[in-house]
Amino acid sequence: MERDDTWICSEDIIASGVKPDGITFIAVLTACNHSGLVDLGFQIFNSMQSEHGVDPALDQYTCIIDCLGRAGHFQDVELLMEKMPYKDDPVVWEVVLSCCIVHGNVSLAERAAVELFRLDPESSTPYVLLANIYSSLGRWNDARAIRVWRADE
């Protein structure tokens, strides 16, 4: 496991003797995410309830899903999403869809887009993001179809 300033800071915050709350975990998970410390972030996320008595809320789930997704750990993202209580939150699905663009994960991107179409049919975000992933992969006909489909709505 990597040890750097983020590890030390995260370890210090969690072990400081002050009872961490949901905001503490958002800060630590965000730091892990932006530092690329995926394993540490996942370890801290998993310790929230078992070691600190803090139930993960939507914001903590969103942070760890973003962390896992940015690193391309889509199997872990899907497993976590199956267990989490916030399956119908558009922000979570937008995060998943955005991570899929970075890694070209079309199948999960399409699933995320379908969920977003269902949850927020007025939003143009899933159409734009899905068209972008198709474009980035040279799937011009699919990208055009999404843009036309959105225009017809």
Protein backbone atom coordinates (compact mmCIF):
# COMPACT_ATOMS: atom_id res chain seq x y z
CA MET A 1 0.00 0.00 0.00
CA GLU A 2 1.24 3.47 -0.87
CA ARG A 3 2.41 5.78 1.93
CA ASP A 4 2.52 9.48 1.25
CA ASP A 5 1.25 12.71 2.74
CA THR A 6 -2.36 11.73 2.02
CA TRP A 7 -1.91 8.43 3.89
CA ILE A 8 -0.37 10.19 6.88
CA CYS A 9 -3.03 12.90 6.88
CA SER A 10 -5.86 10.36 6.54
CA GLU A 11 -4.37 8.15 9.22
CA ASP A 12 -3.91 11.14 11.53
CA ILE A 13 -7.47 12.35 11.03
CA ILE A 14 -9.01 8.94 11.65
CA ALA A 15 -6.66 8.07 14.56
CA SER A 16 -6.63 11.51 16.22
CA GLY A 17 -9.01 10.45 18.96
CA VAL A 18 -11.70 12.77 17.67
CA LYS A 19 -14.74 10.83 16.57
CA PRO A 20 -14.94 11.22 12.79
CA ASP A 21 -18.28 12.14 11.27
CA GLY A 22 -19.66 11.98 7.75
CA ILE A 23 -17.91 15.20 6.73
CA THR A 24 -14.56 13.85 7.95
CA PHE A 25 -15.02 10.81 5.75
CA ILE A 26 -15.97 12.92 2.72
CA ALA A 27 -12.75 14.91 3.16
CA VAL A 28 -10.59 11.81 3.58
CA LEU A 29 -12.23 9.91 0.71
CA THR A 30 -11.93 12.93 -1.58
CA ALA A 31 -8.23 13.22 -0.69
CA CYS A 32 -7.72 9.53 -1.45
CA ASN A 33 -9.60 9.91 -4.73
CA HIS A 34 -7.56 12.88 -5.94
CA SER A 35 -4.31 11.28 -4.82
CA GLY A 36 -5.03 7.98 -6.55
CA LEU A 37 -5.04 6.03 -3.28
CA VAL A 38 -7.84 3.70 -4.29
CA ASP A 39 -7.02 0.84 -1.90
CA LEU A 40 -6.71 3.20 1.05
CA GLY A 41 -9.96 4.97 0.14
CA PHE A 42 -11.78 1.66 -0.09
CA GLN A 43 -10.29 0.52 3.21
CA ILE A 44 -11.37 3.74 4.93
CA PHE A 45 -14.84 3.56 3.38
CA ASN A 46 -15.23 0.00 4.64
CA SER A 47 -14.10 1.04 8.14
CA MET A 48 -16.71 3.78 8.48
CA GLN A 49 -19.43 1.66 10.00
CA SER A 50 -17.46 -1.23 11.46
CA GLU A 51 -14.77 0.79 13.24
CA HIS A 52 -16.30 4.24 13.64
CA GLY A 53 -20.07 3.69 13.79
CA VAL A 54 -20.74 6.05 10.89
CA ASP A 55 -23.25 4.83 8.32
CA PRO A 56 -22.14 5.78 4.81
CA ALA A 57 -24.49 8.35 3.31
CA LEU A 58 -24.98 9.30 -0.32
CA ASP A 59 -21.97 11.65 -0.35
CA GLN A 60 -19.58 8.97 0.93
CA TYR A 61 -20.91 6.45 -1.59
CA THR A 62 -20.49 9.00 -4.36
CA CYS A 63 -16.88 9.70 -3.29
CA ILE A 64 -15.84 6.06 -3.21
CA ILE A 65 -17.65 5.23 -6.47
CA ASP A 66 -15.82 8.12 -8.13
CA CYS A 67 -12.52 6.91 -6.63
CA LEU A 68 -13.05 3.36 -7.87
CA GLY A 69 -14.39 4.47 -11.24
CA ARG A 70 -11.54 6.89 -11.97
CA ALA A 71 -9.14 4.00 -11.35
CA GLY A 72 -11.11 1.73 -13.69
CA HIS A 73 -12.28 -0.65 -10.94
CA PHE A 74 -15.71 -1.08 -12.51
CA GLN A 75 -16.37 -4.52 -11.05
CA ASP A 76 -15.99 -3.00 -7.57
CA VAL A 77 -18.23 -0.09 -8.60
CA GLU A 78 -20.96 -2.47 -9.72
CA LEU A 79 -20.68 -4.64 -6.59
CA LEU A 80 -20.88 -1.57 -4.35
CA MET A 81 -23.84 -0.17 -6.26
CA GLU A 82 -25.73 -3.44 -5.85
CA LYS A 83 -25.42 -3.15 -2.06
CA MET A 84 -25.90 0.58 -1.56
CA PRO A 85 -29.25 2.10 -0.60
CA TYR A 86 -28.97 5.05 -3.05
CA LYS A 87 -29.55 3.29 -6.36
CA ASP A 88 -32.01 5.92 -7.55
CA ASP A 89 -29.81 8.98 -7.18
CA PRO A 90 -28.95 10.69 -10.47
CA VAL A 91 -25.65 12.09 -9.14
CA VAL A 92 -24.29 8.59 -8.51
CA TRP A 93 -25.20 7.51 -12.03
CA GLU A 94 -23.65 10.68 -13.50
CA VAL A 95 -20.42 9.89 -11.67
CA VAL A 96 -20.48 6.34 -13.03
CA LEU A 97 -21.17 7.57 -16.54
CA SER A 98 -18.35 10.14 -16.36
CA CYS A 99 -15.88 7.49 -15.18
CA CYS A 100 -16.94 5.21 -18.02
CA ILE A 101 -16.00 7.89 -20.54
CA VAL A 102 -12.45 8.05 -19.21
CA HIS A 103 -12.01 4.29 -19.59
CA GLY A 104 -14.25 3.59 -22.59
CA ASN A 105 -16.56 1.26 -20.64
CA VAL A 106 -19.52 1.36 -23.03
CA SER A 107 -21.67 -1.34 -21.43
CA LEU A 108 -21.71 0.29 -17.99
CA ALA A 109 -22.04 3.74 -19.59
CA GLU A 110 -25.17 2.59 -21.43
CA ARG A 111 -26.59 1.13 -18.20
CA ALA A 112 -25.87 4.39 -16.35
CA ALA A 113 -27.45 6.42 -19.16
CA VAL A 114 -30.60 4.27 -19.10
CA GLU A 115 -30.87 4.82 -15.33
CA LEU A 116 -30.44 8.57 -15.83
CA PHE A 117 -33.06 8.62 -18.60
CA ARG A 118 -35.43 6.95 -16.13
CA LEU A 119 -34.56 9.09 -13.10
CA ASP A 120 -34.32 12.49 -14.76
CA PRO A 121 -35.84 12.38 -18.25
CA GLU A 122 -35.54 16.17 -18.68
CA SER A 123 -31.77 16.21 -18.15
CA SER A 124 -29.55 16.45 -21.20
CA THR A 125 -26.51 15.19 -19.26
CA PRO A 126 -26.82 11.47 -20.05
CA TYR A 127 -27.39 12.18 -23.74
CA VAL A 128 -24.31 14.39 -23.97
CA LEU A 129 -22.10 12.04 -21.96
CA LEU A 130 -23.21 8.94 -23.85
CA ALA A 131 -22.71 10.71 -27.20
CA ASN A 132 -19.24 11.72 -25.99
CA ILE A 133 -18.25 8.16 -25.15
CA TYR A 134 -19.44 6.94 -28.53
CA SER A 135 -17.53 9.78 -30.25
CA SER A 136 -14.36 9.06 -28.30
CA LEU A 137 -14.51 5.46 -29.53
CA GLY A 138 -15.18 6.46 -33.14
CA ARG A 139 -18.76 5.18 -32.99
CA TRP A 140 -20.07 8.14 -34.98
CA ASN A 141 -23.39 6.59 -35.97
CA ASP A 142 -24.21 5.81 -32.33
CA ALA A 143 -23.21 9.33 -31.26
CA ARG A 144 -25.37 10.83 -34.01
CA ALA A 145 -28.31 8.60 -33.06
CA ILE A 146 -28.13 9.77 -29.42
CA ARG A 147 -28.02 13.42 -30.51
CA VAL A 148 -30.98 12.92 -32.87
CA TRP A 149 -32.88 10.98 -30.23
CA ARG A 150 -32.40 13.81 -27.71
CA ALA A 151 -33.44 16.42 -30.30
CA ASP A 152 -36.66 14.48 -30.95
CA GLU A 153 -37.58 14.37 -27.25
